[in-house]
Protein backbone atom coordinates (compact mmCIF):
# COMPACT_ATOMS: atom_id res chain seq x y z
CA MET A 1 -33.84 -25.25 -18.66
CA VAL A 2 -32.05 -25.10 -15.30
CA ILE A 3 -28.85 -27.03 -14.54
CA GLU A 4 -27.96 -27.13 -10.85
CA LEU A 5 -26.18 -29.26 -8.25
CA LYS A 6 -28.11 -32.08 -6.60
CA SER A 7 -27.44 -30.52 -3.22
CA GLN A 8 -29.47 -27.50 -4.35
CA ARG A 9 -32.60 -29.47 -5.28
CA ARG A 10 -34.72 -28.03 -2.49
CA ALA A 11 -33.61 -24.46 -3.13
CA VAL A 12 -34.42 -24.82 -6.84
CA GLU A 13 -37.84 -26.33 -6.12
CA GLU A 14 -38.72 -23.58 -3.65
CA TYR A 15 -37.55 -20.87 -6.04
CA LEU A 16 -39.50 -22.24 -8.99
CA ALA A 17 -42.63 -22.80 -6.89
CA ALA A 18 -42.90 -19.04 -6.46
CA ARG A 19 -42.42 -18.21 -10.16
CA PHE A 20 -44.92 -18.01 -13.01
CA VAL A 21 -42.36 -18.78 -15.73
CA GLN A 22 -41.12 -22.35 -15.50
CA PRO A 23 -38.20 -24.10 -17.19
CA ARG A 24 -38.88 -26.93 -19.62
CA ARG A 25 -36.61 -29.15 -17.61
CA VAL A 26 -34.44 -29.17 -14.47
CA VAL A 27 -31.20 -31.14 -14.69
CA LEU A 28 -29.37 -31.92 -11.44
CA VAL A 29 -25.72 -32.95 -11.55
CA ASP A 30 -23.57 -34.52 -8.85
CA ASP A 31 -21.71 -32.21 -6.49
CA GLY A 32 -17.94 -32.26 -6.55
CA LEU A 33 -17.46 -33.26 -10.18
CA ASP A 34 -14.11 -32.25 -11.63
CA PRO A 35 -14.24 -30.26 -14.89
CA GLU A 36 -13.60 -33.32 -17.07
CA SER A 37 -16.36 -35.36 -15.40
CA LEU A 38 -18.80 -32.47 -15.61
CA ALA A 39 -18.04 -32.04 -19.31
CA THR A 40 -18.71 -35.74 -19.83
CA VAL A 41 -22.10 -35.45 -18.11
CA LEU A 42 -23.09 -32.47 -20.24
CA GLU A 43 -21.98 -34.07 -23.51
CA LYS A 44 -22.91 -37.72 -23.08
CA ASP A 45 -26.18 -37.29 -21.21
CA ASP A 46 -27.57 -35.15 -24.05
CA VAL A 47 -28.76 -32.48 -21.63
CA LEU A 48 -30.55 -30.54 -24.37
CA ARG A 49 -32.24 -33.69 -25.72
CA GLY A 50 -32.25 -32.33 -29.24
CA ASP A 51 -34.04 -29.15 -28.11
CA PRO A 52 -31.65 -26.33 -29.07
CA ALA A 53 -31.40 -23.25 -26.87
CA TRP A 54 -30.60 -19.69 -27.96
CA GLY A 55 -28.57 -18.68 -24.94
CA CYS A 56 -27.08 -19.75 -21.63
CA ILE A 57 -26.42 -17.85 -18.39
CA VAL A 58 -23.43 -19.26 -16.49
CA ALA A 59 -23.57 -18.20 -12.83
CA THR A 60 -21.94 -21.18 -11.13
CA GLU A 61 -18.96 -21.50 -8.83
CA PRO A 62 -16.16 -20.07 -11.04
CA ARG A 63 -14.16 -23.31 -11.25
CA ALA A 64 -17.02 -24.66 -13.42
CA HIS A 65 -17.26 -21.60 -15.67
CA ARG A 66 -15.02 -22.88 -18.44
CA THR A 67 -16.79 -26.24 -18.64
CA TYR A 68 -20.30 -24.80 -18.83
CA ALA A 69 -19.32 -21.93 -21.15
CA GLU A 70 -17.44 -24.24 -23.51
CA TRP A 71 -20.37 -26.66 -23.64
CA ALA A 72 -22.84 -23.85 -24.36
CA VAL A 73 -20.66 -22.30 -27.08
CA ARG A 74 -20.17 -25.67 -28.79
CA GLN A 75 -23.97 -26.03 -28.79
CA GLY A 76 -24.23 -22.70 -30.62
CA MET A 77 -25.56 -20.73 -27.65
CA HIS A 78 -24.79 -17.12 -26.79
CA VAL A 79 -23.49 -16.89 -23.22
CA LEU A 80 -23.82 -14.46 -20.33
CA LEU A 81 -20.85 -15.33 -18.12
CA GLU A 82 -20.67 -14.20 -14.52
CA LYS A 83 -17.30 -12.83 -13.42
CA PRO A 84 -14.57 -13.99 -13.18
CA VAL A 85 -14.19 -15.54 -16.61
CA THR A 86 -12.77 -18.71 -15.05
CA ALA A 87 -11.08 -19.92 -11.86
CA ARG A 88 -8.89 -22.89 -11.03
CA ASP A 89 -7.99 -24.90 -7.96
CA LEU A 90 -4.72 -23.32 -6.81
CA ARG A 91 -3.82 -25.66 -3.96
CA THR A 92 -1.30 -27.47 -6.16
CA ASN A 93 0.98 -25.46 -8.47
CA GLY A 94 -0.81 -22.23 -7.60
CA PRO A 95 1.29 -19.86 -9.76
CA GLY A 96 1.05 -22.10 -12.82
CA GLU A 97 -2.68 -22.67 -12.47
CA ALA A 98 -3.23 -18.93 -11.98
CA LEU A 99 -1.49 -18.18 -15.28
CA GLY A 100 -3.77 -20.77 -16.90
CA LEU A 101 -6.66 -18.31 -16.56
CA VAL A 102 -5.27 -16.51 -19.62
CA ALA A 103 -5.27 -19.77 -21.59
CA ASP A 104 -8.90 -20.33 -20.51
CA HIS A 105 -9.86 -16.89 -21.80
CA HIS A 106 -8.04 -17.35 -25.08
CA HIS A 107 -9.64 -20.76 -25.61
CA LEU A 108 -13.19 -19.56 -24.93
CA ALA A 109 -12.80 -16.39 -27.01
CA ALA A 110 -11.44 -18.33 -29.98
CA LEU A 111 -14.16 -20.96 -29.64
CA ALA A 112 -16.89 -18.31 -29.53
CA GLU A 113 -15.52 -16.65 -32.66
CA LYS A 114 -15.31 -20.01 -34.45
CA ASN A 115 -18.92 -20.87 -33.57
CA GLY A 116 -20.26 -17.40 -34.36
CA VAL A 117 -21.70 -16.73 -30.90
CA THR A 118 -21.32 -13.88 -28.42
CA VAL A 119 -20.04 -14.31 -24.87
CA VAL A 120 -20.82 -11.33 -22.62
CA VAL A 121 -19.09 -10.99 -19.25
CA GLN A 122 -21.21 -9.63 -16.39
CA ALA A 123 -18.87 -6.77 -15.47
CA GLN A 124 -21.53 -4.17 -14.80
CA ARG A 125 -19.33 -1.17 -14.07
CA ARG A 126 -18.73 -0.91 -17.80
CA ALA A 127 -22.44 -0.03 -18.06
CA HIS A 128 -22.68 2.03 -14.86
CA PRO A 129 -23.89 5.57 -15.74
CA ALA A 130 -21.48 7.27 -13.32
CA TYR A 131 -18.40 5.40 -14.52
CA ARG A 132 -19.39 5.86 -18.15
CA LEU A 133 -19.61 9.61 -17.51
CA VAL A 134 -16.22 9.59 -15.76
CA LYS A 135 -14.62 7.76 -18.69
CA GLU A 136 -16.17 10.20 -21.18
CA ILE A 137 -14.84 13.22 -19.25
CA LEU A 138 -11.39 11.65 -18.99
CA GLY A 139 -11.35 10.79 -22.68
CA ASP A 140 -12.21 14.36 -23.67
CA ILE A 141 -9.53 16.06 -21.58
CA ILE A 142 -6.83 13.52 -22.42
CA SER A 143 -7.56 13.77 -26.14
CA GLU A 144 -7.43 17.57 -26.00
CA PHE A 145 -4.29 18.04 -23.93
CA GLY A 146 -2.37 14.77 -24.44
CA ILE A 147 -1.84 14.25 -20.69
CA PRO A 148 -2.70 10.75 -19.43
CA ILE A 149 -4.28 9.52 -16.26
CA THR A 150 -1.24 9.88 -14.03
CA TYR A 151 -2.64 8.33 -10.86
CA MET A 152 -5.58 6.12 -9.89
CA ASP A 153 -6.60 4.83 -6.48
CA ILE A 154 -9.39 2.23 -6.28
CA HIS A 155 -10.67 1.05 -2.91
CA HIS A 156 -13.35 -1.59 -2.45
CA SER A 157 -14.41 -3.28 0.75
CA ASP A 158 -17.45 -5.51 0.99
CA GLY A 159 -17.64 -6.41 4.67
CA THR A 160 -17.54 -10.18 4.21
CA TRP A 161 -16.88 -11.18 7.81
CA ASN A 162 -16.32 -14.93 7.87
CA MET A 163 -16.33 -16.77 11.13
CA PRO A 164 -13.14 -18.93 11.28
CA TRP A 165 -14.91 -22.25 10.57
CA GLU A 166 -16.68 -20.78 7.53
CA PHE A 167 -13.39 -20.53 5.65
CA VAL A 168 -13.34 -24.33 5.77
CA SER A 169 -16.99 -25.01 5.00
CA ARG A 170 -18.12 -22.40 2.50
CA GLU A 171 -18.45 -23.26 -1.19
CA GLY A 172 -19.86 -19.97 -2.46
CA HIS A 173 -17.01 -17.45 -2.86
CA PRO A 174 -14.61 -19.99 -1.30
CA TYR A 175 -11.09 -19.56 0.00
CA LYS A 176 -10.21 -23.22 0.55
CA TYR A 177 -9.27 -23.77 -3.10
CA GLY A 178 -6.41 -21.26 -2.91
CA TYR A 179 -8.11 -18.19 -4.38
CA GLY A 180 -10.17 -15.42 -2.83
CA LYS A 181 -10.96 -11.73 -3.24
CA LEU A 182 -9.32 -11.26 -6.66
CA LEU A 183 -11.58 -13.93 -8.18
CA HIS A 184 -14.57 -12.86 -6.10
CA SER A 185 -15.60 -9.21 -6.30
CA GLY A 186 -12.03 -8.08 -6.95
CA TYR A 187 -12.39 -8.91 -10.64
CA HIS A 188 -14.80 -5.98 -11.01
CA PHE A 189 -12.22 -3.47 -9.86
CA VAL A 190 -9.29 -4.80 -11.83
CA ASP A 191 -11.65 -4.59 -14.81
CA LEU A 192 -12.65 -1.04 -13.85
CA PHE A 193 -8.96 -0.04 -13.75
CA CYS A 194 -8.22 -1.65 -17.13
CA TRP A 195 -11.36 -0.24 -18.75
CA LEU A 196 -10.91 3.35 -17.49
CA THR A 197 -7.22 3.50 -18.41
CA GLU A 198 -8.07 2.63 -22.02
CA VAL A 199 -8.29 6.44 -22.46
CA ASN A 200 -4.49 6.54 -22.17
CA GLN A 201 -4.38 5.18 -25.71
CA ASN A 202 -5.14 8.75 -26.80
CA ILE A 203 -1.69 10.07 -25.81
CA GLY A 204 1.38 10.10 -28.03
CA ARG A 205 3.19 7.27 -26.24
CA PRO A 206 0.52 5.00 -24.74
CA PRO A 207 1.38 2.27 -22.21
CA ASP A 208 2.70 -1.00 -23.59
CA ARG A 209 3.17 -2.92 -20.35
CA LEU A 210 2.05 -3.01 -16.72
CA GLY A 211 4.23 -3.59 -13.68
CA LEU A 212 2.56 -5.20 -10.66
CA ASP A 213 3.50 -5.67 -7.03
CA VAL A 214 0.99 -7.60 -4.92
CA PHE A 215 0.54 -7.88 -1.15
CA ALA A 216 -2.10 -10.12 0.41
CA VAL A 217 -3.55 -11.44 3.65
CA ASP A 218 -4.97 -14.94 3.32
CA ALA A 219 -7.66 -16.73 5.30
CA ARG A 220 -5.16 -18.33 7.68
CA ARG A 221 -3.62 -14.98 8.57
CA VAL A 222 -6.92 -13.17 8.96
CA ASP A 223 -8.01 -15.99 11.27
CA ALA A 224 -5.14 -14.96 13.54
CA GLN A 225 -6.13 -11.27 13.63
CA LEU A 226 -8.98 -11.82 16.12
CA THR A 227 -8.13 -13.76 19.26
CA GLU A 228 -10.35 -16.14 21.19
CA ALA A 229 -10.69 -13.42 23.81
CA SER A 230 -11.88 -10.98 21.14
CA TYR A 231 -14.60 -13.33 19.93
CA GLU A 232 -15.72 -14.11 23.49
CA ARG A 233 -15.91 -10.39 24.25
CA LEU A 234 -18.00 -9.76 21.14
CA PHE A 235 -20.39 -12.72 21.27
CA GLY A 236 -20.19 -14.00 24.83
CA SER A 237 -18.25 -17.01 26.06
CA ASP A 238 -21.11 -19.51 25.95
CA ARG A 239 -22.17 -18.67 22.39
CA TRP A 240 -18.61 -18.62 21.11
CA ARG A 241 -17.63 -21.95 22.69
CA ARG A 242 -20.54 -23.70 20.96
CA HIS A 243 -18.72 -23.07 17.67
CA SER A 244 -15.05 -22.56 18.48
CA HIS A 245 -14.20 -26.28 18.30
CA LEU A 246 -15.02 -26.43 14.59
CA PRO A 247 -12.16 -26.79 12.06
CA ARG A 248 -10.58 -23.50 11.03
CA PRO A 249 -7.54 -22.52 8.93
CA ALA A 250 -5.29 -22.07 11.95
CA SER A 251 -6.10 -25.58 13.24
CA LEU A 252 -5.60 -27.43 9.96
CA PRO A 253 -2.42 -28.60 8.22
CA VAL A 254 -0.76 -25.83 6.27
CA GLN A 255 -2.25 -25.39 2.79
CA PRO A 256 -2.64 -22.46 0.39
CA TRP A 257 -5.67 -20.39 1.37
CA GLY A 258 -7.29 -17.72 -0.77
CA GLU A 259 -6.71 -14.07 -0.02
CA THR A 260 -9.28 -12.09 1.94
CA ASP A 261 -7.52 -8.77 1.41
CA VAL A 262 -5.12 -7.71 -1.32
CA VAL A 263 -3.28 -4.54 -2.29
CA VAL A 264 -2.05 -4.23 -5.86
CA LEU A 265 0.52 -1.57 -6.78
CA ALA A 266 0.54 -1.00 -10.52
CA ARG A 267 2.52 1.06 -13.01
CA LEU A 268 1.46 1.50 -16.61
CA MET A 269 4.68 1.94 -18.59
CA ASN A 270 5.87 2.94 -22.01
CA GLY A 271 9.39 1.60 -22.23
CA SER A 272 11.07 2.81 -19.04
CA ASP A 273 8.68 5.75 -18.63
CA VAL A 274 5.85 5.59 -16.09
CA VAL A 275 2.52 6.70 -17.57
CA THR A 276 0.17 5.87 -14.68
CA THR A 277 0.72 4.86 -11.08
CA ALA A 278 -2.15 3.04 -9.40
CA VAL A 279 -3.15 1.44 -6.12
CA LEU A 280 -5.98 -1.09 -5.84
CA SER A 281 -6.93 -1.95 -2.24
CA LEU A 282 -9.47 -4.75 -2.29
CA LEU A 283 -10.76 -5.96 1.06
CA GLN A 284 -13.20 -8.51 2.39
CA SER A 285 -12.26 -8.59 6.09
CA SER A 286 -13.52 -5.01 6.45
CA PHE A 287 -16.29 -3.00 8.14
CA SER A 288 -19.36 -5.23 8.34
CA GLY A 289 -22.90 -5.19 9.66
CA ARG A 290 -22.66 -8.79 10.87
CA SER A 291 -23.33 -9.24 14.57
CA TRP A 292 -24.21 -12.95 14.71
CA LEU A 293 -22.40 -16.29 14.63
CA GLU A 294 -24.95 -18.48 12.84
CA LEU A 295 -25.28 -18.18 9.07
CA PRO A 296 -28.62 -16.86 7.79
CA GLU A 297 -30.44 -18.43 4.86
CA ASP A 298 -29.14 -15.69 2.56
CA THR A 299 -25.39 -15.98 3.03
CA TYR A 300 -24.59 -13.46 0.29
CA LYS A 301 -26.24 -10.10 0.95
CA GLY A 302 -28.11 -11.17 4.07
CA ASN A 303 -24.99 -11.79 6.13
CA GLY A 304 -24.02 -8.25 7.04
CA ARG A 305 -22.11 -7.25 3.92
CA ILE A 306 -21.59 -3.49 3.59
CA ARG A 307 -19.93 -2.20 0.43
CA HIS A 308 -17.62 0.81 0.43
CA GLU A 309 -16.30 1.87 -2.98
CA ARG A 310 -14.03 4.83 -3.69
CA VAL A 311 -12.09 5.88 -6.77
CA THR A 312 -9.65 8.80 -7.10
CA ILE A 313 -8.18 9.74 -10.48
CA HIS A 314 -5.65 12.46 -11.36
CA VAL A 315 -4.90 13.76 -14.86
CA GLY A 316 -1.59 15.41 -13.99
CA PRO A 317 -2.12 19.05 -12.97
CA LEU A 318 -5.33 19.41 -14.97
CA MET A 319 -8.06 17.42 -13.26
CA ALA A 320 -8.96 15.18 -10.34
CA ILE A 321 -12.09 13.04 -10.13
CA GLN A 322 -13.42 11.35 -7.02
CA VAL A 323 -16.14 8.70 -6.91
CA HIS A 324 -17.78 7.76 -3.61
CA SER A 325 -20.25 4.93 -3.17
CA TYR A 326 -20.53 4.11 0.51
CA GLN A 327 -23.30 1.69 1.25
CA ASP A 328 -24.78 2.50 4.63
CA GLY A 329 -28.28 1.13 4.18
CA LEU A 330 -27.90 -0.91 7.37
CA LEU A 331 -27.15 2.29 9.27
CA ASP A 332 -29.23 5.30 8.26
CA GLY A 333 -30.87 4.12 5.05
CA ALA A 334 -28.99 6.34 2.57
CA SER A 335 -26.29 5.23 0.15
CA PRO A 336 -25.85 7.80 -2.63
CA PHE A 337 -23.38 7.51 -5.51
CA GLN A 338 -21.40 10.74 -5.74
CA VAL A 339 -18.94 12.07 -8.30
CA VAL A 340 -16.79 15.17 -7.67
CA ILE A 341 -14.71 16.74 -10.46
CA TYR A 342 -11.93 19.25 -9.75
CA ARG A 343 -10.59 21.29 -12.69
CA ASN A 344 -7.67 23.64 -13.20
CA ARG A 345 -10.16 26.02 -14.75
CA GLU A 346 -7.60 28.67 -15.76
CA LEU A 347 -6.08 26.07 -18.10
CA VAL A 348 -8.94 23.77 -19.07
CA GLY A 349 -12.03 25.90 -18.47
CA GLY A 350 -15.29 24.81 -16.87
CA GLU A 351 -16.27 24.90 -13.22
CA ALA A 352 -13.55 24.64 -10.63
CA VAL A 353 -15.57 22.02 -8.76
CA THR A 354 -18.56 20.01 -9.97
CA ARG A 355 -20.45 17.81 -7.51
CA MET A 356 -22.96 15.28 -8.75
CA THR A 357 -25.19 12.85 -6.91
CA MET A 358 -25.89 10.29 -9.58
CA GLY A 359 -29.47 9.23 -10.13
CA ALA A 360 -30.93 12.07 -8.08
CA GLY A 361 -34.71 12.16 -8.43
CA ALA A 362 -36.88 15.05 -9.54
CA GLU A 363 -36.85 16.56 -6.04
CA GLY A 364 -33.16 15.93 -5.47
CA ALA A 365 -33.53 12.70 -3.52
CA ALA A 366 -30.55 10.43 -4.04
CA VAL A 367 -31.11 7.04 -5.62
CA ALA A 368 -29.35 4.25 -3.73
CA SER A 369 -26.04 3.23 -5.27
CA ASP A 370 -27.29 -0.37 -5.40
CA SER A 371 -30.07 0.79 -7.73
CA LEU A 372 -27.47 2.17 -10.13
CA ASN A 373 -25.53 -1.10 -9.94
CA ASN A 374 -28.71 -3.04 -10.65
CA HIS A 375 -29.44 -0.76 -13.59
CA ALA A 376 -25.94 -1.47 -14.93
CA ARG A 377 -26.44 -5.23 -14.48
CA GLU A 378 -29.68 -4.92 -16.42
CA GLN A 379 -27.85 -3.17 -19.27
CA ILE A 380 -25.33 -6.02 -19.48
CA LEU A 381 -28.22 -8.51 -19.49
CA LYS A 382 -29.82 -6.58 -22.37
CA ASP A 383 -26.49 -6.70 -24.23
CA PHE A 384 -26.54 -10.48 -23.86
CA LEU A 385 -30.15 -10.73 -25.05
CA ALA A 386 -29.16 -8.69 -28.11
CA ALA A 387 -26.02 -10.81 -28.63
CA ASP A 388 -24.08 -7.53 -28.41
CA GLY A 389 -20.51 -7.83 -27.18
CA ARG A 390 -19.44 -4.25 -27.90
CA ARG A 391 -19.56 -3.21 -24.24
CA SER A 392 -18.43 -6.27 -22.26
CA GLY A 393 -17.76 -9.02 -24.78
CA LEU A 394 -15.30 -11.71 -23.78
CA ALA A 395 -12.62 -10.49 -26.19
CA LEU A 396 -12.65 -7.06 -24.48
CA HIS A 397 -11.59 -8.69 -21.19
CA ARG A 398 -8.19 -9.84 -22.49
CA THR A 399 -6.21 -7.25 -20.52
CA THR A 400 -8.32 -7.66 -17.40
CA VAL A 401 -7.80 -11.43 -17.41
CA ARG A 402 -4.05 -10.98 -17.90
CA VAL A 403 -3.82 -8.57 -14.96
CA VAL A 404 -6.03 -10.70 -12.70
CA SER A 405 -4.08 -13.82 -13.65
CA ALA A 406 -0.73 -12.14 -12.90
CA ALA A 407 -2.03 -10.76 -9.59
CA VAL A 408 -3.40 -14.14 -8.50
CA ALA A 409 -0.10 -15.76 -9.48
CA GLY A 410 1.66 -13.13 -7.38
CA VAL A 411 -0.47 -14.00 -4.35
CA ALA A 412 0.31 -17.68 -4.91
CA ARG A 413 4.04 -16.99 -5.17
CA LEU A 414 3.93 -14.92 -1.97
CA ALA A 415 2.37 -17.89 -0.18
CA LEU A 416 5.35 -19.97 -1.28
CA GLY A 417 7.83 -17.40 0.00
CA GLY A 418 8.44 -15.76 -3.37
CA SER A 419 7.79 -12.32 -4.82
CA GLY A 420 4.47 -10.77 -5.83
CA ARG A 421 6.10 -8.67 -8.57
CA SER A 422 5.57 -9.20 -12.30
CA VAL A 423 5.29 -7.43 -15.64
CA VAL A 424 2.32 -7.88 -17.97
CA ALA A 425 2.48 -7.09 -21.69
CA LEU A 426 -0.51 -5.09 -22.99
CA ASP A 427 0.05 -5.94 -26.65
CA ALA A 428 -2.42 -8.65 -27.67
CA LEU A 429 0.19 -10.18 -29.99
CA ALA A 430 3.09 -10.19 -27.52
CA SER A 431 4.90 -13.53 -27.62
CA GLU A 432 5.51 -13.35 -23.87
CA TRP A 433 2.63 -11.74 -21.99
CA TYR A 434 3.95 -12.35 -18.45
CA ARG A 435 7.31 -12.08 -16.70
CA PRO A 436 7.78 -12.66 -12.95
CA GLU A 437 10.29 -10.48 -11.14
């Protein structure tokens, strides 16, 4: 069965017309329903019509995630849930609504346990062969020597160049509801940070809290970074003026806009001691292959997006690991996924430098990094089909959701003239998981 918005009827029909496997039924719901109204439609209209389903894939706009996931779990279905776990409209009471993401997670996790079903979150870097290898290497050296990850730098840019009017009109990966990058692709990299630093539990005094300081550029501010003269120089005056009259953040009444770019400074702490210092720079208004004004049919990967991903990790004086995944398929056709490991070999043994191109073929040809990502997505899908939550089950995302929630709340507070600083408790049983500073 397929459940989709009425506005997507044609897209659904065209997609299904080209497929051999067909759903038993297509259910179209009204656009713009609030969560309560959508829940009513799902419950009262008897969408399943007494025909139970084994599982449900939730890949909707994130503000509808909780409603669909809760409905599926109550029907006894296992769920594959696209990231982020949930999202909320942050235009009113942004900080408070952002912190509600933790309550959403807790509610869904408890409901899944009560109903005996598995909810798997599509966070594919947990299944990525390169990152799994990195985590294994880190775990071994930290267990042997008792020295934690002392520094981590994660950079991700995805080249999502929005024309100014698209901030107002777009519904997929929107900004107009007060959230942006952190609840778009940013969730993956907060999750990567939380998942990799689990190896710090192997030291004598593991972290018990996380300090955050958040800086962000929102859609209104990024709209001001390119001037009218810049756009006219890039696209020509006539082409630009055919669109420049359209509503854009800078021309509308002031409202909270989602972040396009965000930098998160983090410190994993044990008491007053710093265990790990980290920087997460997560960008969408970055290097792009887009050179057109009009949106193509594929507005996701067909609109000039170019992904650059880099991770640097230090284990004190013992080891450094660098991961490079620079997508340049629009340029010269190659986009390898590379891992470089530097060792203090006089102390820890092994090679001083190990360089690996992940997924290299039999003759040394590099496999595109997107192929490795797709392989990892497939592994998460297989976990879902096996009702196996050991890798990316919803309960395992507790810390990630707390950190994302606190970071989004920090962005919302910044927009109100406040501070982006906070402290997040890592103990699952902590009575107070969040404290603003």
